[in-house]
């Protein structure tokens, strides 16, 4: 077991919690996507692409392959 008093343990735990939070968000979103029909999923894809372009720029979004 890792010594909890070592330097950097808090940062590692915080990073792991952030990763777990993101995975939980994706999991919850997928639970809702399963309930959607084709038009709802298409609308969601368009909104996700727009948000991705807003956050990361058009050059990054155009490289994305779905």
Protein backbone atom coordinates (compact mmCIF):
# COMPACT_ATOMS: atom_id res chain seq x y z
CA UNK A 1 0.00 0.00 0.00
CA UNK A 2 1.23 3.49 -0.80
CA UNK A 3 2.33 5.73 2.05
CA UNK A 4 -0.47 8.33 2.27
CA UNK A 5 1.89 10.93 3.75
CA UNK A 6 4.16 11.04 0.68
CA UNK A 7 4.33 14.19 -1.41
CA UNK A 8 1.96 14.25 -4.35
CA UNK A 9 -0.56 11.70 -3.08
CA UNK A 10 -3.31 14.33 -2.80
CA UNK A 11 -2.68 15.43 -6.40
CA UNK A 12 -2.86 11.83 -7.63
CA UNK A 13 -6.09 11.23 -5.72
CA UNK A 14 -7.60 14.46 -7.08
CA UNK A 15 -6.64 13.50 -10.64
CA UNK A 16 -8.14 10.03 -10.19
CA UNK A 17 -11.36 11.53 -8.82
CA UNK A 18 -11.60 13.85 -11.83
CA UNK A 19 -11.11 10.93 -14.23
CA UNK A 20 -13.76 8.88 -12.39
CA UNK A 21 -16.16 11.84 -12.48
CA UNK A 22 -15.75 12.16 -16.26
CA UNK A 23 -16.32 8.43 -16.73
CA UNK A 24 -19.42 8.59 -14.54
CA UNK A 25 -20.76 11.50 -16.64
CA UNK A 26 -20.29 9.47 -19.83
CA UNK A 27 -21.94 6.46 -18.25
CA UNK A 28 -24.98 8.46 -17.14
CA UNK A 29 -25.24 10.11 -20.55
CA UNK A 30 -25.14 6.73 -22.28
CA UNK A 31 -27.96 5.50 -20.04
CA UNK A 32 -30.09 8.34 -21.44
CA UNK A 33 -28.93 7.83 -25.05
CA UNK A 34 -30.14 4.22 -24.95
CA UNK A 35 -33.65 5.55 -24.31
CA UNK A 36 -33.58 7.95 -27.31
CA UNK A 37 -34.82 7.36 -30.82
CA UNK A 38 -32.84 8.08 -34.00
CA UNK A 39 -33.82 11.75 -34.29
CA UNK A 40 -32.95 12.44 -30.67
CA UNK A 41 -29.52 10.84 -31.04
CA UNK A 42 -28.88 12.83 -34.23
CA UNK A 43 -29.78 16.09 -32.48
CA UNK A 44 -27.51 15.17 -29.59
CA UNK A 45 -24.61 14.44 -31.96
CA UNK A 46 -25.01 17.86 -33.59
CA UNK A 47 -25.00 19.58 -30.20
CA UNK A 48 -21.95 17.61 -29.04
CA UNK A 49 -20.04 18.51 -32.22
CA UNK A 50 -20.92 22.20 -31.78
CA UNK A 51 -19.76 22.16 -28.15
CA UNK A 52 -16.54 20.38 -29.13
CA UNK A 53 -15.81 22.99 -31.79
CA UNK A 54 -16.57 25.79 -29.33
CA UNK A 55 -14.18 24.38 -26.73
CA UNK A 56 -11.37 23.01 -28.87
CA UNK A 57 -11.62 24.77 -32.23
CA UNK A 58 -12.70 23.69 -35.68
CA UNK A 59 -9.33 22.22 -36.65
CA UNK A 60 -9.48 19.67 -33.85
CA UNK A 61 -13.10 18.77 -34.53
CA UNK A 62 -12.45 18.13 -38.21
CA UNK A 63 -9.80 15.54 -37.31
CA UNK A 64 -12.30 13.64 -35.15
CA UNK A 65 -13.57 10.43 -36.68
CA UNK A 66 -16.82 9.04 -35.31
